[in-house]
Amino acid sequence: MTHVTEHPLVQSGRSAALALACVRGGVAAGLGLGALAVLVVAAWIGSPYPDSGPGGALHLAAGLWLLAHGVDLVRTDTLSGLPAPLGVAPMLLAVLPVWLVHRATRDTLDAVDDDRRRPSAASAVGAVAGGYLLVAAAVVLYGTSGPLPADLLAAGLWLPPLVLGAAGAGAWTALGRPLPAQRQAAAALRATGLGLVTLLGGGAVVAAVSLARHAGEAQTAFTALTGEWSGRIAVLLLVLALLPNMAVWGTAYGLGPGFALGTGAFATPLGLVGDPAAPPFPLLAALPDDGRGGWTQGAAVAVPLAAALLQGGRVGRAARTWTARDTTLTALGAAWACGAVIAVLSAAAGGPLGTAGLSAFGPVWWQTGAAAVLWGACVGVPVALAVRAWGRRVPRPKPLPVPAEASAGRAVAASETPAAGSVPGGPSSPDGPEAGGAESEKPPPPSGGKAAGASGTSDRGASEAAGAAGPKEAGAGAGRGDDPARDAYADYDPYGDAAFEPYDYLPAAWEPTAPPPPRPAPPADRGGPA
């Protein structure tokens, strides 16, 4: 048996492509870190109180870059001298690193011209993620000597999954965004996406409405933090970076579990429980008021309800030809997938802000994920089954449409048919059988009979004039056209049928007809030869 081996040039081409992918990952990490460093250095230059030098600004940029990836930081310069964790990551800062990793993987798979040298999707994802994580490890080591070192355990838990997920999304995009071949799995993924968009969008609306109601308190907290324009710009940028966190908090609030405001304090639609340890910050001014929640707080429950209805409806529309078991399993799969994503986002949107009372801040990930699963299972599954049953109903047969010409002809024919009492020689006519005699047994003339009989006059000249004009008027009123052959028999109705047509008595295609008579033979030439 012979083994097929690749040419060394092909192997070297693939190795070069993987090396280039690794370089792309490192460049993506450097671009994200550089963009954040530019903002931090610009804020340090414009600050009227530059306590530290450029090294402190660069250490701060490195810490913020790691915080954008979900890595918890540790503050060492506290008033008590004890290190305090900082784990609430501004989720908007993660958009740029995730997009850079996504683009690096996509470009790695799209840039290769020769299919034989193109690396596999798994190899491209591993190479790009490896290059990115090498730079991240260097940043973690660099940040250990600064005021905000990274928590090594959190760095190992959050950095690799985030980078691998972004690289995998890039490979999926490069391959054309394929969905699973199984119809149930594809329908569950589409329903999950629709439910997530509804939940997060509704949570953002809930948070925005609450912030608008407490606009005065938010403005007071904003002006109280700093009086310098550079500090206010920095606070404004931090507020913008925390807006996605606010949307996730609104989603958790609408789902029911709410979010924690320190140890022992929770904000739910039923009310605010405990003594919140919230620091003065503009976004925290949107927290619900103390006491029992009213109808305005309870209205937030409409967000998960709408998400579950849309999610179940999407599954039900796709399950018209499925069994009830497959429909139920698909709806449950969509509910579990939506709950898993919401749990991950809740864990990323919260975290500790310090010790003691601020050690727990934000949504509790397992409670929020379980609530999303329950909403999808209790509301989404029945809605999916109901929509499936509605789509499988047997439609009622619709009546065939009647042509406009036929309906008009029937109406005119019915209006021209004389009543029983007005027919000469009828049972209720003054000129009954006794008066009609033998003349009543004669068939009416081919033309003008009805028109003359309907006039009811004894004037013979008027009846002849009416009979002469009858065929044309009857033919025009019945909508039969200008065919003289049809107009001649327009009023001739020997069987009392107003819809009589002379062509009705012609043989149909399936009826036997008499063969035509034989044609006579041509006469023989009686003349002799010339």
Protein backbone atom coordinates (compact mmCIF):
# COMPACT_ATOMS: atom_id res chain seq x y z
CA MET A 1 0.00 0.00 0.00
CA THR A 2 1.33 3.40 -0.97
CA HIS A 3 0.86 6.47 1.19
CA VAL A 4 0.11 9.77 -0.52
CA THR A 5 2.38 12.46 0.87
CA GLU A 6 2.10 16.15 0.18
CA HIS A 7 4.77 18.05 -1.59
CA PRO A 8 7.19 19.91 0.71
CA LEU A 9 6.22 23.19 -0.94
CA VAL A 10 2.60 22.60 -0.01
CA GLN A 11 3.52 21.84 3.60
CA SER A 12 5.71 24.91 3.78
CA GLY A 13 2.87 26.99 2.29
CA ARG A 14 0.49 25.88 5.01
CA SER A 15 3.06 26.54 7.70
CA ALA A 16 3.59 30.03 6.32
CA ALA A 17 -0.16 30.63 6.36
CA LEU A 18 -0.42 29.53 10.00
CA ALA A 19 2.55 31.69 10.95
CA LEU A 20 0.90 34.63 9.21
CA ALA A 21 -2.30 33.90 11.13
CA CYS A 22 -0.38 33.97 14.41
CA VAL A 23 1.11 37.32 13.43
CA ARG A 24 -2.35 38.62 12.59
CA GLY A 25 -3.55 37.69 16.08
CA GLY A 26 -0.66 39.52 17.70
CA VAL A 27 -1.27 42.59 15.54
CA ALA A 28 -4.95 42.56 16.49
CA ALA A 29 -4.03 42.57 20.19
CA GLY A 30 -1.53 45.38 19.65
CA LEU A 31 -4.04 47.53 17.77
CA GLY A 32 -6.64 47.24 20.52
CA LEU A 33 -4.12 47.99 23.23
CA GLY A 34 -2.70 50.92 21.26
CA ALA A 35 -6.10 52.51 20.65
CA LEU A 36 -6.93 52.38 24.36
CA ALA A 37 -3.47 53.67 25.30
CA VAL A 38 -3.97 56.72 23.06
CA LEU A 39 -7.18 57.64 24.90
CA VAL A 40 -5.59 57.18 28.34
CA VAL A 41 -2.48 59.18 27.45
CA ALA A 42 -4.63 61.97 25.97
CA ALA A 43 -6.67 62.12 29.20
CA TRP A 44 -3.44 62.15 31.24
CA ILE A 45 -2.03 65.02 29.20
CA GLY A 46 -5.21 67.08 29.59
CA SER A 47 -5.54 66.40 33.30
CA PRO A 48 -4.55 69.33 35.60
CA TYR A 49 -3.32 66.87 38.23
CA PRO A 50 -0.88 64.45 36.57
CA ASP A 51 0.08 62.53 39.70
CA SER A 52 2.07 59.87 37.86
CA GLY A 53 4.26 59.98 34.81
CA PRO A 54 3.75 58.36 31.40
CA GLY A 55 4.51 54.97 32.92
CA GLY A 56 1.47 55.22 35.19
CA ALA A 57 -0.74 56.12 32.21
CA LEU A 58 0.54 53.11 30.25
CA HIS A 59 -0.03 50.80 33.23
CA LEU A 60 -3.56 52.16 33.50
CA ALA A 61 -4.13 51.52 29.77
CA ALA A 62 -2.90 47.94 30.17
CA GLY A 63 -5.22 47.39 33.14
CA LEU A 64 -8.24 48.80 31.27
CA TRP A 65 -7.44 46.60 28.25
CA LEU A 66 -7.44 43.51 30.45
CA LEU A 67 -10.61 44.70 32.19
CA ALA A 68 -12.29 44.96 28.77
CA HIS A 69 -11.67 41.22 28.35
CA GLY A 70 -13.42 40.43 31.63
CA VAL A 71 -10.28 40.10 33.75
CA ASP A 72 -10.68 41.34 37.33
CA LEU A 73 -8.17 43.92 38.52
CA VAL A 74 -6.86 44.56 42.02
CA ARG A 75 -6.53 48.08 43.41
CA THR A 76 -3.55 48.36 45.72
CA ASP A 77 -3.64 52.09 46.52
CA THR A 78 -6.71 52.06 48.78
CA LEU A 79 -7.33 54.16 51.88
CA SER A 80 -7.28 51.13 54.14
CA GLY A 81 -4.16 49.69 52.53
CA LEU A 82 -5.91 46.42 51.75
CA PRO A 83 -6.22 45.35 48.12
CA ALA A 84 -9.72 45.76 46.70
CA PRO A 85 -11.01 43.90 43.61
CA LEU A 86 -12.43 45.72 40.61
CA GLY A 87 -14.51 43.41 38.44
CA VAL A 88 -17.24 45.45 36.71
CA ALA A 89 -15.93 45.55 33.14
CA PRO A 90 -17.24 48.23 30.73
CA MET A 91 -18.66 45.99 28.03
CA LEU A 92 -18.37 48.61 25.28
CA LEU A 93 -14.58 48.42 25.58
CA ALA A 94 -14.74 44.75 24.55
CA VAL A 95 -16.25 45.58 21.15
CA LEU A 96 -12.97 46.67 19.56
CA PRO A 97 -10.84 43.67 20.71
CA VAL A 98 -13.53 41.19 19.73
CA TRP A 99 -13.93 42.78 16.30
CA LEU A 100 -10.17 42.77 15.71
CA VAL A 101 -9.87 39.06 16.51
CA HIS A 102 -12.90 38.32 14.35
CA ARG A 103 -11.44 40.21 11.40
CA ALA A 104 -8.01 38.63 11.77
CA THR A 105 -9.46 35.12 11.55
CA ARG A 106 -11.73 36.02 8.67
CA ASP A 107 -8.87 37.58 6.69
CA THR A 108 -6.69 34.53 7.35
CA LEU A 109 -9.20 32.22 5.66
CA ASP A 110 -10.09 34.63 2.87
CA ALA A 111 -6.60 35.77 1.88
CA VAL A 112 -5.34 32.39 0.64
CA ASP A 113 -5.77 31.99 -3.11
CA ASP A 114 -4.75 28.35 -3.51
CA ASP A 115 -7.16 25.93 -1.87
CA ARG A 116 -4.38 23.41 -1.29
CA ARG A 117 -2.48 25.90 0.85
CA ARG A 118 -5.51 27.12 2.74
CA PRO A 119 -5.44 26.07 6.42
CA SER A 120 -8.43 24.51 8.05
CA ALA A 121 -10.83 26.58 10.11
CA ALA A 122 -9.67 25.00 13.38
CA SER A 123 -6.01 25.67 12.53
CA ALA A 124 -6.75 29.30 11.67
CA VAL A 125 -8.69 29.80 14.90
CA GLY A 126 -5.91 28.25 16.97
CA ALA A 127 -3.18 30.27 15.26
CA VAL A 128 -4.95 33.63 15.58
CA ALA A 129 -5.96 32.96 19.19
CA GLY A 130 -2.43 31.82 20.01
CA GLY A 131 -0.86 35.00 18.71
CA TYR A 132 -3.40 37.14 20.55
CA LEU A 133 -2.95 35.28 23.84
CA LEU A 134 0.83 35.65 23.65
CA VAL A 135 0.46 39.43 23.61
CA ALA A 136 -2.16 39.22 26.39
CA ALA A 137 0.23 37.22 28.57
CA ALA A 138 2.89 39.89 28.07
CA VAL A 139 0.38 42.58 29.08
CA VAL A 140 -0.56 40.63 32.21
CA LEU A 141 3.09 40.42 33.23
CA TYR A 142 3.60 44.12 32.50
CA GLY A 143 0.57 45.09 34.60
CA THR A 144 1.84 43.31 37.72
CA SER A 145 4.19 46.22 38.45
CA GLY A 146 1.46 48.87 38.13
CA PRO A 147 -1.30 50.17 40.40
CA LEU A 148 -3.90 47.85 38.79
CA PRO A 149 -2.45 44.34 38.48
CA ALA A 150 -4.61 41.62 37.00
CA ASP A 151 -6.05 38.70 38.90
CA LEU A 152 -4.27 35.69 37.42
CA LEU A 153 -7.17 33.30 38.07
CA ALA A 154 -9.64 35.62 36.34
CA ALA A 155 -7.22 36.09 33.45
CA GLY A 156 -7.04 32.34 32.92
CA LEU A 157 -10.80 31.94 33.11
CA TRP A 158 -11.94 34.81 30.88
CA LEU A 159 -9.23 35.58 28.33
CA PRO A 160 -9.00 32.25 26.42
CA PRO A 161 -12.76 31.67 26.02
CA LEU A 162 -13.36 35.22 24.83
CA VAL A 163 -10.54 35.14 22.27
CA LEU A 164 -11.44 31.66 21.01
CA GLY A 165 -15.09 32.63 20.69
CA ALA A 166 -14.29 35.75 18.67
CA ALA A 167 -11.90 33.77 16.43
CA GLY A 168 -14.51 31.07 15.92
CA ALA A 169 -17.06 33.70 14.90
CA GLY A 170 -14.56 35.01 12.35
CA ALA A 171 -14.07 31.53 10.87
CA TRP A 172 -17.84 31.04 10.74
CA THR A 173 -18.18 34.30 8.82
CA ALA A 174 -15.43 33.32 6.39
CA LEU A 175 -17.20 30.03 5.66
CA GLY A 176 -20.44 31.82 4.76
CA ARG A 177 -22.23 31.66 8.15
CA PRO A 178 -23.56 28.11 7.68
CA LEU A 179 -26.34 26.80 9.90
CA PRO A 180 -26.75 23.19 11.05
CA ALA A 181 -28.18 20.82 8.47
CA GLN A 182 -30.86 19.65 10.89
CA ARG A 183 -33.94 21.83 10.58
CA GLN A 184 -34.74 21.75 14.28
CA ALA A 185 -31.28 23.00 15.27
CA ALA A 186 -31.36 25.81 12.70
CA ALA A 187 -34.83 26.89 13.84
CA ALA A 188 -33.72 26.85 17.48
CA LEU A 189 -30.73 29.08 16.67
CA ARG A 190 -32.90 31.58 14.80
CA ALA A 191 -35.42 31.67 17.63
CA THR A 192 -32.58 32.15 20.15
CA GLY A 193 -31.26 35.14 18.23
CA LEU A 194 -34.71 36.72 18.06
CA GLY A 195 -35.26 36.19 21.78
CA LEU A 196 -31.87 37.67 22.70
CA VAL A 197 -32.43 40.76 20.58
CA THR A 198 -35.84 41.29 22.18
CA LEU A 199 -34.54 40.78 25.72
CA LEU A 200 -31.53 43.06 25.40
CA GLY A 201 -33.41 45.73 23.48
CA GLY A 202 -36.22 45.71 26.02
CA GLY A 203 -33.73 45.85 28.89
CA ALA A 204 -32.10 48.91 27.31
CA VAL A 205 -35.50 50.59 27.03
CA VAL A 206 -36.30 49.82 30.68
CA ALA A 207 -32.98 51.28 31.84
CA ALA A 208 -33.33 54.36 29.63
CA VAL A 209 -36.84 55.09 30.92
CA SER A 210 -35.68 54.78 34.53
CA LEU A 211 -32.69 57.03 33.87
CA ALA A 212 -34.95 59.62 32.24
CA ARG A 213 -37.21 59.61 35.30
CA HIS A 214 -34.19 60.27 37.55
CA ALA A 215 -32.46 62.73 35.22
CA GLY A 216 -32.05 65.34 37.94
CA GLU A 217 -30.30 62.97 40.33
CA ALA A 218 -28.03 61.75 37.52
CA GLN A 219 -27.00 65.29 36.65
CA THR A 220 -26.25 66.05 40.30
CA ALA A 221 -24.05 62.96 40.59
CA PHE A 222 -22.24 63.85 37.36
CA THR A 223 -21.34 67.38 38.46
CA ALA A 224 -20.35 66.23 41.96
CA LEU A 225 -17.65 63.84 40.75
CA THR A 226 -15.32 66.45 39.29
CA GLY A 227 -15.30 70.10 38.35
CA GLU A 228 -12.65 70.05 35.60
CA TRP A 229 -13.61 69.62 31.96
CA SER A 230 -11.01 66.90 31.46
CA GLY A 231 -12.40 64.92 34.38
CA ARG A 232 -15.96 65.36 33.13
CA ILE A 233 -14.95 64.09 29.70
CA ALA A 234 -13.38 61.03 31.34
CA VAL A 235 -16.54 60.42 33.38
CA LEU A 236 -18.68 60.82 30.27
CA LEU A 237 -16.56 58.29 28.37
CA LEU A 238 -16.90 55.86 31.28
CA VAL A 239 -20.69 56.33 31.27
CA LEU A 240 -20.82 55.55 27.54
CA ALA A 241 -18.66 52.45 28.02
CA LEU A 242 -21.05 51.18 30.71
CA LEU A 243 -24.25 51.56 28.66
CA PRO A 244 -24.26 47.88 27.53
CA ASN A 245 -23.91 46.87 31.19
CA MET A 246 -26.95 49.00 31.93
CA ALA A 247 -28.94 47.18 29.21
CA VAL A 248 -28.05 43.78 30.72
CA TRP A 249 -29.05 45.04 34.17
CA GLY A 250 -32.41 46.15 32.76
CA THR A 251 -32.86 42.70 31.21
CA ALA A 252 -32.13 40.99 34.53
CA TYR A 253 -34.56 43.37 36.24
CA GLY A 254 -37.36 42.50 33.81
CA LEU A 255 -36.70 38.75 34.04
CA GLY A 256 -37.46 38.85 37.76
CA PRO A 257 -34.27 38.13 39.74
CA GLY A 258 -33.03 41.71 39.36
CA PHE A 259 -29.50 42.65 40.38
CA ALA A 260 -27.50 43.00 43.56
CA LEU A 261 -26.47 46.37 44.98
CA GLY A 262 -24.06 44.99 47.51
CA THR A 263 -24.34 42.16 49.94
CA GLY A 264 -27.92 41.76 51.11
CA ALA A 265 -29.49 44.36 48.78
CA PHE A 266 -31.48 43.47 45.65
CA ALA A 267 -33.53 45.47 43.18
CA THR A 268 -36.45 43.50 41.66
CA PRO A 269 -39.78 44.48 40.08
CA LEU A 270 -41.42 43.72 43.44
CA GLY A 271 -39.36 46.42 45.14
CA LEU A 272 -35.96 47.31 46.57
CA VAL A 273 -34.84 45.00 49.36
CA GLY A 274 -32.06 45.83 51.82
CA ASP A 275 -29.73 48.81 52.15
CA PRO A 276 -27.94 49.38 48.80
CA ALA A 277 -24.27 50.34 48.96
CA ALA A 278 -24.22 52.21 45.65
CA PRO A 279 -21.45 54.78 45.11
CA PRO A 280 -22.39 58.17 43.60
CA PHE A 281 -22.39 57.63 39.84
CA PRO A 282 -24.72 59.01 37.13
CA LEU A 283 -25.95 55.62 35.91
CA LEU A 284 -26.67 54.39 39.43
CA ALA A 285 -29.13 57.23 39.83
CA ALA A 286 -31.55 55.18 37.69
CA LEU A 287 -32.01 52.64 40.49
CA PRO A 288 -35.63 52.08 41.55
CA ASP A 289 -36.95 53.91 44.56
CA ASP A 290 -37.06 52.35 47.99
CA GLY A 291 -40.10 50.39 49.04
CA ARG A 292 -42.56 48.18 47.25
CA GLY A 293 -42.64 48.34 43.47
CA GLY A 294 -45.68 49.72 41.66
CA TRP A 295 -47.16 49.16 38.24
CA THR A 296 -44.34 51.10 36.59
CA GLN A 297 -41.79 48.63 37.98
CA GLY A 298 -44.02 45.68 37.15
CA ALA A 299 -44.30 46.83 33.52
CA ALA A 300 -40.73 45.64 33.00
CA VAL A 301 -42.07 42.06 33.01
CA ALA A 302 -43.48 42.76 29.53
CA VAL A 303 -39.95 42.48 28.11
CA PRO A 304 -39.38 38.73 28.81
CA LEU A 305 -43.02 38.04 27.98
CA ALA A 306 -42.64 39.59 24.53
CA ALA A 307 -39.33 37.77 24.02
CA ALA A 308 -40.88 34.40 24.90
CA LEU A 309 -43.87 35.03 22.63
CA LEU A 310 -41.68 35.94 19.66
CA GLN A 311 -39.33 33.05 20.32
CA GLY A 312 -42.15 30.52 20.52
CA GLY A 313 -43.88 31.99 17.48
CA ARG A 314 -40.71 31.67 15.42
CA VAL A 315 -40.41 27.99 16.33
CA GLY A 316 -44.10 27.38 15.67
CA ARG A 317 -43.98 28.90 12.18
CA ALA A 318 -41.07 26.64 11.27
CA ALA A 319 -42.71 23.51 12.77
CA ARG A 320 -45.86 23.22 10.65
CA THR A 321 -44.77 19.86 9.26
CA TRP A 322 -43.11 18.56 12.43
CA THR A 323 -44.50 16.44 15.21
CA ALA A 324 -45.51 17.92 18.52
CA ARG A 325 -42.51 16.25 20.18
CA ASP A 326 -40.01 17.84 17.78
CA THR A 327 -41.68 21.22 18.21
CA THR A 328 -41.48 20.98 22.00
CA LEU A 329 -37.83 19.92 21.96
CA THR A 330 -36.91 22.74 19.56
CA ALA A 331 -38.63 25.36 21.72
CA LEU A 332 -36.91 23.99 24.83
CA GLY A 333 -33.55 24.07 23.04
CA ALA A 334 -34.08 27.71 22.11
CA ALA A 335 -34.99 28.51 25.73
CA TRP A 336 -31.87 26.81 27.07
CA ALA A 337 -29.59 28.51 24.53
CA CYS A 338 -31.09 31.92 25.32
CA GLY A 339 -30.65 31.28 29.05
CA ALA A 340 -27.01 30.29 28.59
CA VAL A 341 -26.17 33.47 26.65
CA ILE A 342 -28.00 35.66 29.18
CA ALA A 343 -26.10 33.97 32.03
CA VAL A 344 -22.75 34.72 30.35
CA LEU A 345 -23.69 38.34 29.70
CA SER A 346 -24.91 38.75 33.28
CA ALA A 347 -21.62 37.43 34.62
CA ALA A 348 -19.70 39.84 32.38
CA ALA A 349 -21.89 42.84 33.28
CA GLY A 350 -21.42 42.53 37.04
CA GLY A 351 -18.71 41.87 39.53
CA PRO A 352 -17.16 43.24 42.68
CA LEU A 353 -16.42 46.92 43.19
CA GLY A 354 -14.58 46.50 46.45
CA THR A 355 -14.72 44.57 49.67
CA ALA A 356 -17.45 44.07 52.29
CA GLY A 357 -20.64 45.71 51.05
CA LEU A 358 -19.44 46.13 47.44
CA SER A 359 -18.19 42.59 46.97
CA ALA A 360 -21.30 41.64 44.95
CA PHE A 361 -22.56 44.14 42.41
CA GLY A 362 -24.77 43.45 39.42
CA PRO A 363 -26.92 40.53 38.21
CA VAL A 364 -26.41 37.05 39.62
CA TRP A 365 -25.61 35.00 36.53
CA TRP A 366 -27.22 31.69 37.48
CA GLN A 367 -30.45 33.30 38.67
CA THR A 368 -30.79 35.39 35.52
CA GLY A 369 -30.04 32.44 33.24
CA ALA A 370 -32.52 30.20 35.04
CA ALA A 371 -35.22 32.88 34.78
CA ALA A 372 -34.65 33.17 31.02
CA VAL A 373 -34.99 29.39 30.64
CA LEU A 374 -38.21 29.35 32.68
CA TRP A 375 -39.75 32.13 30.60
CA GLY A 376 -38.91 30.30 27.40
CA ALA A 377 -40.18 26.96 28.68
CA CYS A 378 -43.40 28.14 30.34
CA VAL A 379 -44.46 30.65 27.67
CA GLY A 380 -42.47 29.85 24.55
CA VAL A 381 -43.31 26.12 24.34
CA PRO A 382 -47.13 26.55 24.53
CA VAL A 383 -46.97 29.40 22.03
CA ALA A 384 -44.92 27.25 19.64
CA LEU A 385 -47.44 24.40 19.87
CA ALA A 386 -50.37 26.78 19.39
CA VAL A 387 -48.82 28.42 16.33
CA ARG A 388 -48.01 25.00 14.89
CA ALA A 389 -51.61 23.85 15.38
CA TRP A 390 -52.93 27.04 13.79
CA GLY A 391 -50.67 26.58 10.78
CA ARG A 392 -51.80 22.96 10.30
CA ARG A 393 -55.53 23.76 10.18
CA VAL A 394 -57.44 22.63 7.05
CA PRO A 395 -58.59 25.65 5.03
CA ARG A 396 -62.24 25.81 3.99
CA PRO A 397 -62.93 25.43 0.26
CA LYS A 398 -63.54 28.77 -1.37
CA PRO A 399 -66.34 29.18 -3.99
CA LEU A 400 -65.16 29.39 -7.55
CA PRO A 401 -65.21 32.91 -8.97
CA VAL A 402 -68.07 33.63 -11.38
CA PRO A 403 -67.09 35.54 -14.55
CA ALA A 404 -68.51 39.02 -14.81
CA GLU A 405 -70.05 38.39 -18.26
CA ALA A 406 -71.92 35.27 -17.08
CA SER A 407 -73.31 36.97 -13.99
CA ALA A 408 -74.45 39.96 -16.03
CA GLY A 409 -76.10 37.70 -18.60
CA ARG A 410 -78.00 35.81 -15.90
CA ALA A 411 -79.26 39.00 -14.33
CA VAL A 412 -80.52 40.38 -17.65
CA ALA A 413 -82.16 37.07 -18.59
CA ALA A 414 -83.95 36.90 -15.25
CA SER A 415 -85.24 40.46 -15.62
CA GLU A 416 -86.56 39.75 -19.15
CA THR A 417 -88.44 36.53 -18.16
CA PRO A 418 -92.20 37.39 -17.82
CA ALA A 419 -94.16 36.48 -14.76
CA ALA A 420 -96.57 33.57 -14.77
CA GLY A 421 -99.63 35.83 -14.81
CA SER A 422 -98.47 37.88 -17.75
CA VAL A 423 -97.95 35.01 -20.23
CA PRO A 424 -100.80 34.85 -22.77
CA GLY A 425 -102.79 31.72 -22.30
CA GLY A 426 -101.52 31.14 -18.79
CA PRO A 427 -103.70 30.04 -15.88
CA SER A 428 -104.08 33.53 -14.43
CA SER A 429 -104.18 35.44 -17.69
CA PRO A 430 -107.42 37.13 -18.75
CA ASP A 431 -106.94 35.51 -22.09
CA GLY A 432 -106.89 31.94 -20.76
CA PRO A 433 -107.26 28.71 -22.69
CA GLU A 434 -110.84 29.59 -23.48
CA ALA A 435 -109.85 32.83 -25.13
CA GLY A 436 -106.65 31.59 -26.72
CA GLY A 437 -108.05 28.56 -28.46
CA ALA A 438 -105.78 26.87 -30.90
CA GLU A 439 -103.58 29.89 -31.28
CA SER A 440 -102.15 29.40 -27.78
CA GLU A 441 -100.76 26.02 -28.77
CA LYS A 442 -98.68 27.46 -31.56
CA PRO A 443 -95.05 28.11 -30.76
CA PRO A 444 -94.07 31.76 -30.62
CA PRO A 445 -92.49 33.24 -33.68
CA PRO A 446 -88.68 33.17 -33.89
CA SER A 447 -88.46 36.90 -33.48
CA GLY A 448 -90.48 39.50 -31.65
CA GLY A 449 -92.83 37.14 -29.85
CA LYS A 450 -91.78 37.97 -26.31
CA ALA A 451 -91.47 41.63 -26.94
CA ALA A 452 -94.96 41.80 -28.44
CA GLY A 453 -96.50 39.63 -25.72
CA ALA A 454 -94.87 41.61 -22.91
CA SER A 455 -96.16 44.91 -24.25
CA GLY A 456 -99.78 43.96 -23.49
CA THR A 457 -101.22 46.11 -26.30
CA SER A 458 -103.57 45.19 -29.12
CA ASP A 459 -101.98 47.49 -31.61
CA ARG A 460 -100.69 45.20 -34.34
CA GLY A 461 -98.40 47.76 -35.83
CA ALA A 462 -96.81 48.52 -32.49
CA SER A 463 -96.30 44.81 -31.82
CA GLU A 464 -94.66 44.36 -35.22
CA ALA A 465 -92.42 47.31 -34.56
CA ALA A 466 -91.55 45.92 -31.15
CA GLY A 467 -90.96 42.48 -32.68
CA ALA A 468 -88.69 43.98 -35.29
CA ALA A 469 -86.63 45.74 -32.67
CA GLY A 470 -86.66 42.81 -30.22
CA PRO A 471 -83.74 40.71 -31.43
CA LYS A 472 -81.27 43.54 -31.39
CA GLU A 473 -82.31 44.74 -27.95
CA ALA A 474 -82.31 41.23 -26.50
CA GLY A 475 -78.94 40.45 -27.98
CA ALA A 476 -77.47 43.67 -26.66
CA GLY A 477 -79.02 43.25 -23.20
CA ALA A 478 -77.78 39.68 -22.81
CA GLY A 479 -74.28 40.70 -23.69
CA ARG A 480 -74.01 38.21 -26.57
CA GLY A 481 -72.14 40.48 -28.97
CA ASP A 482 -72.91 41.44 -32.53
CA ASP A 483 -72.96 37.96 -34.10
CA PRO A 484 -76.04 37.87 -36.42
CA ALA A 485 -76.28 34.07 -36.19
CA ARG A 486 -76.65 34.28 -32.42
CA ASP A 487 -78.90 37.38 -32.47
CA ALA A 488 -81.41 35.65 -34.76
CA TYR A 489 -82.19 33.06 -32.07
CA ALA A 490 -81.77 35.37 -29.11
CA ASP A 491 -85.49 35.36 -28.24
CA TYR A 492 -86.34 31.86 -29.38
CA ASP A 493 -86.85 29.78 -26.24
CA PRO A 494 -88.98 26.69 -26.97
CA TYR A 495 -88.18 24.94 -23.68
CA GLY A 496 -88.66 27.90 -21.32
CA ASP A 497 -84.97 28.08 -20.49
CA ALA A 498 -83.68 31.64 -20.41
CA ALA A 499 -80.09 30.42 -20.74
CA PHE A 500 -80.84 28.57 -24.01
CA GLU A 501 -78.08 28.69 -26.57
CA PRO A 502 -78.30 27.24 -30.05
CA TYR A 503 -74.83 25.81 -29.67
CA ASP A 504 -75.95 23.69 -26.70
CA TYR A 505 -77.36 21.12 -29.10
CA LEU A 506 -74.14 20.61 -30.98
CA PRO A 507 -72.37 17.29 -30.22
CA ALA A 508 -69.55 17.47 -27.71
CA ALA A 509 -66.07 16.09 -28.31
CA TRP A 510 -66.81 12.85 -26.45
CA GLU A 511 -70.21 12.18 -28.12
CA PRO A 512 -70.35 10.00 -31.26
CA THR A 513 -71.27 11.79 -34.43
CA ALA A 514 -72.57 10.47 -37.71
CA PRO A 515 -69.86 10.04 -40.31
CA PRO A 516 -70.01 12.53 -43.16
CA PRO A 517 -71.60 11.30 -46.40
CA PRO A 518 -69.14 9.97 -48.99
CA ARG A 519 -68.08 12.42 -51.56
CA PRO A 520 -69.26 11.55 -55.14
CA ALA A 521 -66.64 10.30 -57.54
CA PRO A 522 -65.60 12.76 -60.19
CA PRO A 523 -67.21 12.18 -63.58
CA ALA A 524 -65.13 10.18 -66.02
CA ASP A 525 -63.76 11.89 -69.08
CA ARG A 526 -66.10 10.90 -71.87
CA GLY A 527 -64.06 12.36 -74.63
CA GLY A 528 -61.78 10.21 -76.77
CA PRO A 529 -58.14 10.74 -77.37
CA ALA A 530 -57.23 13.81 -79.20
